[in-house]
C-alpha atoms as a PDB file:
ATOM      1  CA  MET A   1     -11.790  47.200   9.816  1.00  0.00           C
ATOM      2  CA  ILE A   2      -8.275  46.094   9.031  1.00  0.00           C
ATOM      3  CA  THR A   3      -9.451  42.594   8.105  1.00  0.00           C
ATOM      4  CA  LYS A   4     -11.963  44.035   5.649  1.00  0.00           C
ATOM      5  CA  PHE A   5      -9.212  46.098   4.093  1.00  0.00           C
ATOM      6  CA  LEU A   6      -6.877  43.097   3.832  1.00  0.00           C
ATOM      7  CA  SER A   7      -9.537  40.861   2.339  1.00  0.00           C
ATOM      8  CA  LYS A   8     -10.420  43.515  -0.236  1.00  0.00           C
ATOM      9  CA  LEU A   9      -6.742  43.980  -1.056  1.00  0.00           C
ATOM     10  CA  LYS A  10      -6.294  40.217  -1.512  1.00  0.00           C
ATOM     11  CA  SER A  11      -9.285  39.997  -3.806  1.00  0.00           C
ATOM     12  CA  ILE A  12      -7.961  42.852  -5.934  1.00  0.00           C
ATOM     13  CA  LEU A  13      -4.477  41.360  -6.139  1.00  0.00           C
ATOM     14  CA  PHE A  14      -5.638  37.866  -7.020  1.00  0.00           C
ATOM     15  CA  LYS A  15      -8.108  39.117  -9.632  1.00  0.00           C
ATOM     16  CA  SER A  16      -5.381  40.997 -11.441  1.00  0.00           C
ATOM     17  CA  GLU A  17      -3.102  37.926 -11.470  1.00  0.00           C
ATOM     18  CA  SER A  18      -5.739  35.579 -12.837  1.00  0.00           C
ATOM     19  CA  THR A  19      -6.707  37.912 -15.674  1.00  0.00           C
ATOM     20  CA  SER A  20      -3.100  38.403 -16.728  1.00  0.00           C
ATOM     21  CA  VAL A  21      -2.541  34.679 -17.334  1.00  0.00           C
ATOM     22  CA  VAL A  22      -2.164  33.837 -21.007  1.00  0.00           C
ATOM     23  CA  PRO A  23      -4.687  31.265 -22.340  1.00  0.00           C
ATOM     24  CA  GLU A  24      -1.818  29.022 -23.535  1.00  0.00           C
ATOM     25  CA  VAL A  25      -0.495  28.787 -19.996  1.00  0.00           C
ATOM     26  CA  LYS A  26      -3.941  27.794 -18.755  1.00  0.00           C
ATOM     27  CA  LYS A  27      -3.966  24.911 -21.265  1.00  0.00           C
ATOM     28  CA  THR A  28      -0.609  23.614 -20.076  1.00  0.00           C
ATOM     29  CA  ILE A  29      -1.757  23.840 -16.470  1.00  0.00           C
ATOM     30  CA  LYS A  30      -4.816  21.757 -17.311  1.00  0.00           C
ATOM     31  CA  LYS A  31      -2.640  19.167 -19.111  1.00  0.00           C
ATOM     32  CA  THR A  32      -0.318  18.783 -16.149  1.00  0.00           C
ATOM     33  CA  LYS A  33      -3.280  18.343 -13.828  1.00  0.00           C
ATOM     34  CA  LYS A  34      -4.606  15.564 -16.060  1.00  0.00           C
ATOM     35  CA  LYS A  35      -1.211  13.837 -16.074  1.00  0.00           C
ATOM     36  CA  SER A  36      -0.998  13.900 -12.307  1.00  0.00           C
ATOM     37  CA  VAL A  37      -4.422  12.298 -12.083  1.00  0.00           C
ATOM     38  CA  LYS A  38      -3.314   9.534 -14.459  1.00  0.00           C
ATOM     39  CA  THR A  39      -0.223   8.745 -12.402  1.00  0.00           C
ATOM     40  CA  SER A  40      -2.236   8.517  -9.219  1.00  0.00           C
ATOM     41  CA  LYS A  41      -4.567   6.020 -10.892  1.00  0.00           C
ATOM     42  CA  ALA A  42      -1.564   3.965 -11.978  1.00  0.00           C
ATOM     43  CA  SER A  43      -0.196   3.864  -8.440  1.00  0.00           C
ATOM     44  CA  LYS A  44      -3.580   2.691  -7.147  1.00  0.00           C
ATOM     45  CA  THR A  45      -3.560  -0.243  -9.554  1.00  0.00           C
ATOM     46  CA  LYS A  46      -0.053  -1.175  -8.418  1.00  0.00           C
ATOM     47  CA  THR A  47      -1.121  -1.266  -4.792  1.00  0.00           C
ATOM     48  CA  LYS A  48      -4.158  -3.328  -5.714  1.00  0.00           C
ATOM     49  CA  THR A  49      -1.990  -5.896  -7.469  1.00  0.00           C
ATOM     50  CA  LYS A  50       0.348  -6.054  -4.462  1.00  0.00           C
ATOM     51  CA  LYS A  51      -2.630  -6.677  -2.195  1.00  0.00           C
ATOM     52  CA  GLU A  52      -3.964  -9.317  -4.544  1.00  0.00           C
ATOM     53  CA  ASP A  53      -0.552 -10.999  -4.695  1.00  0.00           C
ATOM     54  CA  SER A  54      -0.258 -11.045  -0.930  1.00  0.00           C
ATOM     55  CA  LYS A  55      -3.748 -12.527  -0.636  1.00  0.00           C
ATOM     56  CA  LYS A  56      -2.812 -15.285  -3.084  1.00  0.00           C
ATOM     57  CA  LEU A  57       0.364 -16.064  -1.169  1.00  0.00           C
ATOM     58  CA  ILE A  58      -1.509 -16.161   2.135  1.00  0.00           C
ATOM     59  CA  GLU A  59      -4.071 -18.515   0.579  1.00  0.00           C
ATOM     60  CA  ALA A  60      -1.222 -20.789  -0.527  1.00  0.00           C
ATOM     61  CA  LEU A  61       0.138 -20.807   3.029  1.00  0.00           C
ATOM     62  CA  LYS A  62      -3.311 -21.678   4.393  1.00  0.00           C
ATOM     63  CA  ALA A  63      -3.246 -24.808   2.234  1.00  0.00           C
ATOM     64  CA  ILE A  64      -0.606 -26.272   4.547  1.00  0.00           C
ATOM     65  CA  PRO A  65      -2.238 -28.647   7.050  1.00  0.00           C
ATOM     66  CA  GLY A  66      -2.388 -27.064  10.504  1.00  0.00           C
ATOM     67  CA  VAL A  67      -1.938 -23.484   9.254  1.00  0.00           C
ATOM     68  CA  GLY A  68      -4.962 -21.240   9.602  1.00  0.00           C
ATOM     69  CA  ALA A  69      -5.659 -17.702   8.484  1.00  0.00           C
ATOM     70  CA  LYS A  70      -3.887 -16.015  11.402  1.00  0.00           C
ATOM     71  CA  SER A  71      -0.845 -18.236  11.209  1.00  0.00           C
ATOM     72  CA  ALA A  72      -0.600 -17.818   7.447  1.00  0.00           C
ATOM     73  CA  GLU A  73      -0.712 -14.056   7.774  1.00  0.00           C
ATOM     74  CA  ALA A  74       1.910 -14.167  10.528  1.00  0.00           C
ATOM     75  CA  PHE A  75       4.185 -16.325   8.368  1.00  0.00           C
ATOM     76  CA  TYR A  76       3.702 -13.933   5.438  1.00  0.00           C
ATOM     77  CA  LYS A  77       4.580 -10.896   7.554  1.00  0.00           C
ATOM     78  CA  ALA A  78       7.632 -12.712   8.912  1.00  0.00           C
ATOM     79  CA  GLY A  79       8.940 -13.242   5.381  1.00  0.00           C
ATOM     80  CA  PHE A  80       7.842 -16.792   4.638  1.00  0.00           C
ATOM     81  CA  LYS A  81       6.137 -16.386   1.267  1.00  0.00           C
ATOM     82  CA  THR A  82       5.859 -19.996   0.117  1.00  0.00           C
ATOM     83  CA  PRO A  83       5.012 -23.311   1.768  1.00  0.00           C
ATOM     84  CA  LYS A  84       8.448 -24.573   0.729  1.00  0.00           C
ATOM     85  CA  SER A  85      10.155 -21.789   2.674  1.00  0.00           C
ATOM     86  CA  ILE A  86       8.203 -22.729   5.794  1.00  0.00           C
ATOM     87  CA  LYS A  87       8.996 -26.426   5.465  1.00  0.00           C
ATOM     88  CA  SER A  88      12.704 -25.774   4.933  1.00  0.00           C
ATOM     89  CA  ALA A  89      13.029 -23.222   7.773  1.00  0.00           C
ATOM     90  CA  LYS A  90      14.726 -23.964  11.078  1.00  0.00           C
ATOM     91  CA  ASP A  91      12.603 -24.559  14.160  1.00  0.00           C
ATOM     92  CA  GLU A  92      14.008 -21.448  15.864  1.00  0.00           C
ATOM     93  CA  ASP A  93      12.993 -19.268  12.910  1.00  0.00           C
ATOM     94  CA  LEU A  94       9.465 -20.632  12.939  1.00  0.00           C
ATOM     95  CA  LEU A  95       9.119 -20.187  16.691  1.00  0.00           C
ATOM     96  CA  ALA A  96      10.186 -16.551  16.297  1.00  0.00           C
ATOM     97  CA  VAL A  97       7.005 -15.870  14.315  1.00  0.00           C
ATOM     98  CA  PRO A  98       4.340 -14.343  16.584  1.00  0.00           C
ATOM     99  CA  GLY A  99       1.459 -16.709  17.218  1.00  0.00           C
ATOM    100  CA  VAL A 100       3.343 -19.848  16.213  1.00  0.00           C
ATOM    101  CA  GLY A 101       3.857 -22.417  18.941  1.00  0.00           C
ATOM    102  CA  ILE A 102       5.845 -25.574  19.359  1.00  0.00           C
ATOM    103  CA  ASN A 103       2.873 -27.796  18.430  1.00  0.00           C
ATOM    104  CA  LEU A 104       2.471 -26.113  15.043  1.00  0.00           C
ATOM    105  CA  VAL A 105       6.200 -26.387  14.388  1.00  0.00           C
ATOM    106  CA  LYS A 106       6.058 -30.119  15.176  1.00  0.00           C
ATOM    107  CA  LYS A 107       3.134 -30.532  12.766  1.00  0.00           C
ATOM    108  CA  LEU A 108       5.010 -28.687  10.050  1.00  0.00           C
ATOM    109  CA  LYS A 109       8.154 -30.779  10.487  1.00  0.00           C
ATOM    110  CA  ASN A 110       6.176 -34.035  10.313  1.00  0.00           C
ATOM    111  CA  LEU A 111       4.835 -33.175   6.844  1.00  0.00           C
END
């Protein structure tokens, strides 16, 4: 009984608020909603380009002899973005990368 009363009271209160809104305010509300949709689309394109860039960098790392997909991704996550950075890195830094062993480090240093 009380819930019916509260629901009826809510419906009455919210109906009176929505009818009192000026049409000009409704237009501005619609405009702001459209703007927020546009910004979310822009942020999606930024994340797509970041993903595409990371894929390109990982592909460049896979071009190094002895480096496969998993190793390239591990190097990328560890901060090695270019083949030059891997070749110029210290052995200790390369061994700190998960999934990289001494044999791969030896191969990389012989290049």
